[in-house]
C-alpha atoms as a PDB file:
ATOM      1  CA  LEU A   1      10.277 -38.489 -23.426  1.00  0.00           C
ATOM      2  CA  GLN A   2       5.900 -38.286 -22.920  1.00  0.00           C
ATOM      3  CA  GLY A   3       3.583 -40.897 -23.096  1.00  0.00           C
ATOM      4  CA  GLY A   4       5.129 -44.143 -22.833  1.00  0.00           C
ATOM      5  CA  GLY A   5       1.949 -46.179 -24.097  1.00  0.00           C
ATOM      6  CA  ILE A   6      -0.149 -43.262 -25.183  1.00  0.00           C
ATOM      7  CA  TYR A   7       0.706 -39.745 -26.055  1.00  0.00           C
ATOM      8  CA  TRP A   8      -2.076 -37.126 -27.312  1.00  0.00           C
ATOM      9  CA  LEU A   9      -2.460 -33.213 -27.921  1.00  0.00           C
ATOM     10  CA  VAL A  10      -5.854 -31.970 -28.422  1.00  0.00           C
ATOM     11  CA  PRO A  11      -6.329 -29.255 -30.927  1.00  0.00           C
ATOM     12  CA  LEU A  12      -8.697 -26.048 -30.216  1.00  0.00           C
ATOM     13  CA  ASP A  13     -12.025 -27.055 -31.268  1.00  0.00           C
ATOM     14  CA  GLN A  14     -11.255 -30.973 -31.211  1.00  0.00           C
ATOM     15  CA  VAL A  15     -12.854 -34.056 -28.767  1.00  0.00           C
ATOM     16  CA  GLY A  16     -10.031 -35.630 -28.197  1.00  0.00           C
ATOM     17  CA  PRO A  17      -9.407 -39.433 -28.238  1.00  0.00           C
ATOM     18  CA  ASN A  18     -11.569 -42.051 -26.530  1.00  0.00           C
ATOM     19  CA  VAL A  19      -9.805 -44.608 -25.063  1.00  0.00           C
ATOM     20  CA  VAL A  20     -11.788 -47.517 -24.003  1.00  0.00           C
ATOM     21  CA  ASN A  21     -10.763 -51.239 -22.793  1.00  0.00           C
ATOM     22  CA  ASN A  22      -6.888 -50.665 -22.722  1.00  0.00           C
ATOM     23  CA  THR A  23      -4.078 -52.324 -21.063  1.00  0.00           C
ATOM     24  CA  VAL A  24      -1.122 -50.540 -20.944  1.00  0.00           C
ATOM     25  CA  ALA A  25       1.663 -51.283 -18.986  1.00  0.00           C
ATOM     26  CA  ASN A  26       5.505 -52.231 -19.027  1.00  0.00           C
ATOM     27  CA  ASN A  27       6.444 -48.683 -20.835  1.00  0.00           C
ATOM     28  CA  SER A  28       8.704 -45.829 -19.682  1.00  0.00           C
ATOM     29  CA  ALA A  29       8.844 -42.417 -20.419  1.00  0.00           C
ATOM     30  CA  VAL A  30       9.824 -39.375 -18.109  1.00  0.00           C
ATOM     31  CA  PHE A  31       6.461 -37.521 -18.191  1.00  0.00           C
ATOM     32  CA  GLY A  32       3.243 -40.132 -18.525  1.00  0.00           C
ATOM     33  CA  THR A  33       4.629 -43.878 -18.111  1.00  0.00           C
ATOM     34  CA  ALA A  34       1.184 -45.288 -19.694  1.00  0.00           C
ATOM     35  CA  VAL A  35      -0.517 -42.105 -20.654  1.00  0.00           C
ATOM     36  CA  PHE A  36       0.442 -38.145 -21.154  1.00  0.00           C
ATOM     37  CA  ALA A  37      -2.516 -36.248 -22.091  1.00  0.00           C
ATOM     38  CA  ASP A  38      -2.663 -32.801 -23.603  1.00  0.00           C
ATOM     39  CA  GLY A  39      -3.865 -30.235 -25.610  1.00  0.00           C
ATOM     40  CA  PHE A  40      -7.985 -28.640 -25.146  1.00  0.00           C
ATOM     41  CA  ASP A  41      -8.582 -32.446 -23.935  1.00  0.00           C
ATOM     42  CA  ALA A  42     -11.760 -31.994 -21.645  1.00  0.00           C
ATOM     43  CA  ALA A  43     -14.023 -33.983 -23.914  1.00  0.00           C
ATOM     44  CA  ALA A  44     -11.741 -36.696 -24.291  1.00  0.00           C
ATOM     45  CA  ARG A  45     -12.207 -39.830 -22.421  1.00  0.00           C
ATOM     46  CA  LEU A  46     -10.358 -42.347 -20.447  1.00  0.00           C
ATOM     47  CA  GLN A  47     -12.759 -45.182 -19.456  1.00  0.00           C
ATOM     48  CA  ASN A  48     -12.243 -48.828 -18.374  1.00  0.00           C
ATOM     49  CA  ASN A  49      -8.646 -48.771 -18.834  1.00  0.00           C
ATOM     50  CA  ILE A  50      -5.681 -50.641 -16.697  1.00  0.00           C
ATOM     51  CA  LEU A  51      -2.718 -48.240 -16.855  1.00  0.00           C
ATOM     52  CA  VAL A  52       0.217 -49.352 -14.997  1.00  0.00           C
ATOM     53  CA  GLY A  53       3.545 -48.050 -14.021  1.00  0.00           C
ATOM     54  CA  SER A  54       7.069 -49.250 -12.630  1.00  0.00           C
ATOM     55  CA  GLY A  55       8.908 -46.179 -11.733  1.00  0.00           C
ATOM     56  CA  SER A  56       9.662 -43.208 -10.009  1.00  0.00           C
ATOM     57  CA  GLU A  57       7.206 -40.941 -12.672  1.00  0.00           C
ATOM     58  CA  ALA A  58       3.347 -40.856 -12.783  1.00  0.00           C
ATOM     59  CA  VAL A  59       1.381 -43.374 -14.865  1.00  0.00           C
ATOM     60  CA  LEU A  60      -1.170 -40.566 -16.461  1.00  0.00           C
ATOM     61  CA  GLU A  61       0.061 -37.452 -16.430  1.00  0.00           C
ATOM     62  CA  CYS A  62      -1.761 -34.242 -18.256  1.00  0.00           C
ATOM     63  CA  GLY A  63      -0.203 -31.073 -19.282  1.00  0.00           C
ATOM     64  CA  ALA A  64      -1.030 -27.503 -19.666  1.00  0.00           C
ATOM     65  CA  PHE A  65       0.239 -26.380 -22.929  1.00  0.00           C
ATOM     66  CA  ASN A  66      -3.500 -24.649 -23.638  1.00  0.00           C
ATOM     67  CA  ASP A  67      -5.726 -25.414 -20.812  1.00  0.00           C
ATOM     68  CA  LEU A  68      -6.097 -26.890 -17.028  1.00  0.00           C
ATOM     69  CA  ASN A  69      -8.951 -29.360 -17.946  1.00  0.00           C
ATOM     70  CA  ALA A  70      -7.996 -33.200 -17.593  1.00  0.00           C
ATOM     71  CA  PRO A  71      -9.828 -35.609 -19.782  1.00  0.00           C
ATOM     72  CA  VAL A  72     -12.735 -37.383 -18.489  1.00  0.00           C
ATOM     73  CA  ILE A  73     -11.184 -40.140 -16.293  1.00  0.00           C
ATOM     74  CA  VAL A  74     -13.670 -42.774 -15.202  1.00  0.00           C
ATOM     75  CA  PHE A  75     -13.704 -46.352 -14.382  1.00  0.00           C
ATOM     76  CA  ASN A  76      -9.656 -47.024 -14.706  1.00  0.00           C
ATOM     77  CA  ASP A  77      -7.447 -48.853 -12.394  1.00  0.00           C
ATOM     78  CA  VAL A  78      -3.979 -46.400 -12.519  1.00  0.00           C
ATOM     79  CA  PHE A  79      -1.658 -48.216 -10.242  1.00  0.00           C
ATOM     80  CA  ASN A  80       2.105 -47.632  -9.978  1.00  0.00           C
ATOM     81  CA  THR A  81       4.318 -50.517  -9.127  1.00  0.00           C
ATOM     82  CA  GLY A  82       7.632 -48.534  -8.001  1.00  0.00           C
ATOM     83  CA  SER A  83       7.670 -45.320  -5.915  1.00  0.00           C
ATOM     84  CA  GLY A  84       6.364 -42.719  -8.773  1.00  0.00           C
ATOM     85  CA  PRO A  85       2.250 -41.342  -8.498  1.00  0.00           C
ATOM     86  CA  GLY A  86      -0.360 -42.604 -10.242  1.00  0.00           C
ATOM     87  CA  TYR A  87      -0.981 -39.130 -11.474  1.00  0.00           C
ATOM     88  CA  GLY A  88       0.986 -36.092 -11.936  1.00  0.00           C
ATOM     89  CA  GLY A  89       0.339 -33.030 -13.855  1.00  0.00           C
ATOM     90  CA  THR A  90      -2.671 -31.436 -14.162  1.00  0.00           C
ATOM     91  CA  CYS A  91      -4.258 -34.870 -13.803  1.00  0.00           C
ATOM     92  CA  THR A  92      -5.208 -34.855  -9.824  1.00  0.00           C
ATOM     93  CA  ASP A  93      -5.621 -38.356  -8.177  1.00  0.00           C
ATOM     94  CA  GLN A  94      -8.979 -39.658  -9.241  1.00  0.00           C
ATOM     95  CA  THR A  95      -8.484 -42.920  -7.245  1.00  0.00           C
ATOM     96  CA  GLY A  96     -11.836 -43.725  -5.279  1.00  0.00           C
ATOM     97  CA  LEU A  97     -14.084 -41.071  -7.871  1.00  0.00           C
ATOM     98  CA  ASN A  98     -16.133 -41.872 -10.254  1.00  0.00           C
ATOM     99  CA  GLY A  99     -15.286 -46.022 -10.472  1.00  0.00           C
ATOM    100  CA  ASN A 100     -11.426 -45.172 -10.226  1.00  0.00           C
ATOM    101  CA  ILE A 101      -9.287 -47.129  -8.157  1.00  0.00           C
ATOM    102  CA  SER A 102      -5.329 -48.307  -7.750  1.00  0.00           C
ATOM    103  CA  ALA A 103      -4.378 -51.606  -7.414  1.00  0.00           C
ATOM    104  CA  ASP A 104      -2.544 -54.265  -8.526  1.00  0.00           C
ATOM    105  CA  PRO A 105      -4.315 -55.753 -11.563  1.00  0.00           C
ATOM    106  CA  LEU A 106      -2.982 -59.016 -10.972  1.00  0.00           C
ATOM    107  CA  PHE A 107      -1.567 -59.753 -14.320  1.00  0.00           C
ATOM    108  CA  VAL A 108      -1.352 -63.441 -15.164  1.00  0.00           C
ATOM    109  CA  ASP A 109       2.614 -62.826 -15.711  1.00  0.00           C
ATOM    110  CA  ALA A 110       3.585 -59.162 -16.935  1.00  0.00           C
ATOM    111  CA  ALA A 111       7.353 -59.899 -17.023  1.00  0.00           C
ATOM    112  CA  THR A 112       6.725 -61.813 -19.935  1.00  0.00           C
ATOM    113  CA  GLY A 113       4.223 -60.179 -21.181  1.00  0.00           C
ATOM    114  CA  ASP A 114       1.404 -61.657 -20.323  1.00  0.00           C
ATOM    115  CA  LEU A 115      -1.112 -58.966 -19.367  1.00  0.00           C
ATOM    116  CA  HIS A 116      -4.330 -61.400 -18.896  1.00  0.00           C
ATOM    117  CA  ILE A 117      -6.003 -60.900 -15.330  1.00  0.00           C
ATOM    118  CA  GLN A 118      -6.182 -63.348 -12.851  1.00  0.00           C
ATOM    119  CA  ALA A 119      -9.054 -64.715 -10.966  1.00  0.00           C
ATOM    120  CA  GLY A 120      -9.469 -62.467  -7.658  1.00  0.00           C
ATOM    121  CA  SER A 121      -8.422 -59.289  -9.990  1.00  0.00           C
ATOM    122  CA  PRO A 122     -10.150 -55.995  -8.972  1.00  0.00           C
ATOM    123  CA  ALA A 123     -10.398 -55.236 -12.556  1.00  0.00           C
ATOM    124  CA  ILE A 124     -12.761 -57.794 -12.723  1.00  0.00           C
ATOM    125  CA  ASP A 125     -16.654 -56.457 -12.806  1.00  0.00           C
ATOM    126  CA  ALA A 126     -15.273 -53.199 -11.856  1.00  0.00           C
ATOM    127  CA  GLY A 127     -15.663 -51.648 -15.147  1.00  0.00           C
ATOM    128  CA  LEU A 128     -18.680 -48.828 -16.885  1.00  0.00           C
ATOM    129  CA  ASN A 129     -20.795 -51.222 -19.515  1.00  0.00           C
ATOM    130  CA  ALA A 130     -21.919 -48.484 -21.239  1.00  0.00           C
ATOM    131  CA  GLY A 131     -19.753 -47.651 -24.150  1.00  0.00           C
ATOM    132  CA  ALA A 132     -17.921 -50.766 -24.239  1.00  0.00           C
ATOM    133  CA  PRO A 133     -16.639 -52.925 -27.100  1.00  0.00           C
ATOM    134  CA  THR A 134     -18.680 -56.662 -26.825  1.00  0.00           C
ATOM    135  CA  THR A 135     -15.661 -58.296 -27.073  1.00  0.00           C
ATOM    136  CA  ASP A 136     -12.203 -58.809 -25.435  1.00  0.00           C
ATOM    137  CA  ILE A 137      -8.443 -58.969 -26.681  1.00  0.00           C
ATOM    138  CA  ASP A 138      -9.105 -62.630 -27.759  1.00  0.00           C
ATOM    139  CA  GLY A 139     -12.490 -62.152 -28.915  1.00  0.00           C
ATOM    140  CA  ASP A 140     -14.444 -63.339 -25.542  1.00  0.00           C
ATOM    141  CA  PRO A 141     -17.936 -61.777 -25.222  1.00  0.00           C
ATOM    142  CA  ARG A 142     -18.705 -58.623 -23.089  1.00  0.00           C
ATOM    143  CA  PRO A 143     -19.817 -58.345 -20.408  1.00  0.00           C
ATOM    144  CA  LEU A 144     -19.461 -62.027 -18.180  1.00  0.00           C
ATOM    145  CA  ASP A 145     -19.948 -62.042 -15.157  1.00  0.00           C
ATOM    146  CA  GLY A 146     -16.312 -62.397 -13.805  1.00  0.00           C
ATOM    147  CA  ASN A 147     -17.374 -62.494 -10.152  1.00  0.00           C
ATOM    148  CA  GLY A 148     -19.831 -65.008  -9.957  1.00  0.00           C
ATOM    149  CA  ASP A 149     -22.629 -62.677  -8.524  1.00  0.00           C
ATOM    150  CA  GLY A 150     -25.098 -63.295 -11.646  1.00  0.00           C
ATOM    151  CA  VAL A 151     -24.759 -59.686 -12.855  1.00  0.00           C
ATOM    152  CA  GLY A 152     -22.589 -59.140 -16.113  1.00  0.00           C
ATOM    153  CA  VAL A 153     -20.510 -56.228 -15.815  1.00  0.00           C
ATOM    154  CA  VAL A 154     -17.216 -55.552 -18.030  1.00  0.00           C
ATOM    155  CA  ASP A 155     -13.953 -55.598 -16.601  1.00  0.00           C
ATOM    156  CA  ILE A 156     -11.445 -53.064 -16.557  1.00  0.00           C
ATOM    157  CA  GLY A 157      -8.805 -53.491 -19.328  1.00  0.00           C
ATOM    158  CA  ALA A 158      -8.143 -55.419 -22.433  1.00  0.00           C
ATOM    159  CA  ASP A 159      -9.014 -58.924 -21.234  1.00  0.00           C
ATOM    160  CA  GLU A 160     -12.351 -60.348 -20.046  1.00  0.00           C
ATOM    161  CA  VAL A 161     -11.930 -62.578 -17.865  1.00  0.00           C
ATOM    162  CA  ARG A 162     -14.025 -65.442 -17.488  1.00  0.00           C
ATOM    163  CA  SER A 163     -15.542 -67.120 -14.808  1.00  0.00           C
ATOM    164  CA  GLU A 164     -15.123 -70.418 -13.384  1.00  0.00           C
ATOM    165  CA  THR A 165     -17.853 -70.704 -10.642  1.00  0.00           C
ATOM    166  CA  THR A 166     -19.227 -74.594 -11.269  1.00  0.00           C
ATOM    167  CA  PRO A 167     -16.569 -76.911 -11.002  1.00  0.00           C
ATOM    168  CA  PRO A 168     -16.700 -79.663 -13.955  1.00  0.00           C
ATOM    169  CA  THR A 169     -18.573 -82.881 -13.052  1.00  0.00           C
ATOM    170  CA  ILE A 170     -16.004 -86.014 -13.474  1.00  0.00           C
ATOM    171  CA  THR A 171     -18.162 -89.193 -14.027  1.00  0.00           C
ATOM    172  CA  CYS A 172     -16.250 -92.613 -13.155  1.00  0.00           C
ATOM    173  CA  ARG A 173     -17.282 -96.323 -13.347  1.00  0.00           C
ATOM    174  CA  ALA A 174     -17.119 -98.174  -9.899  1.00  0.00           C
ATOM    175  CA  THR A 175     -16.756-101.558 -11.754  1.00  0.00           C
ATOM    176  CA  PRO A 176     -13.908-102.252 -14.543  1.00  0.00           C
ATOM    177  CA  SER A 177     -15.143-102.125 -17.999  1.00  0.00           C
ATOM    178  CA  THR A 178     -16.560-105.576 -19.840  1.00  0.00           C
ATOM    179  CA  LEU A 179     -14.903-104.237 -22.844  1.00  0.00           C
ATOM    180  CA  TRP A 180     -11.341-104.244 -21.359  1.00  0.00           C
ATOM    181  CA  PRO A 181      -9.313-106.123 -22.168  1.00  0.00           C
ATOM    182  CA  PRO A 182     -10.980-106.296 -26.063  1.00  0.00           C
ATOM    183  CA  THR A 183     -12.127-109.674 -26.789  1.00  0.00           C
ATOM    184  CA  HIS A 184     -11.940-109.169 -30.623  1.00  0.00           C
ATOM    185  CA  MET A 185     -10.323-107.156 -32.896  1.00  0.00           C
ATOM    186  CA  LEU A 186     -11.650-105.144 -35.909  1.00  0.00           C
END
């Protein structure tokens, strides 16, 4: 019913979760298809996450059970492919603030569950390096220079895309090899 991917209710005098570099998509819930945050969660943190919903419900929803303070929301991509909003409840729209965006993350194939990001994704080099894990979901190092500008910045989400800015060099002989056909057998 609440929090299709992540749900929390932070008790009084607790810090709450620190949710960093995750990809939450293809979930459903009545409140918060990706995340439902509630309780005393002003110190809880959502950083560098891709949160995607696909319906009429909000992707990231904050409840008002104990207080009206939203968690810290920085450098996330909160995107709804459906008709619903990105943010709901006491979570005001953070798009354009504190590094937060709302854009199609360009998954390789969301329908089959391949939530790796593709070259050209707005999530590439769009995160916050401080506090990010040193490897991604596949064990690739972070941060990489995903957009080829010479600066390694962590990607938003669980995947760090590899930059392929330099094409491989292929060398071919201009003349036929003298070893073919073979002149002797071993």
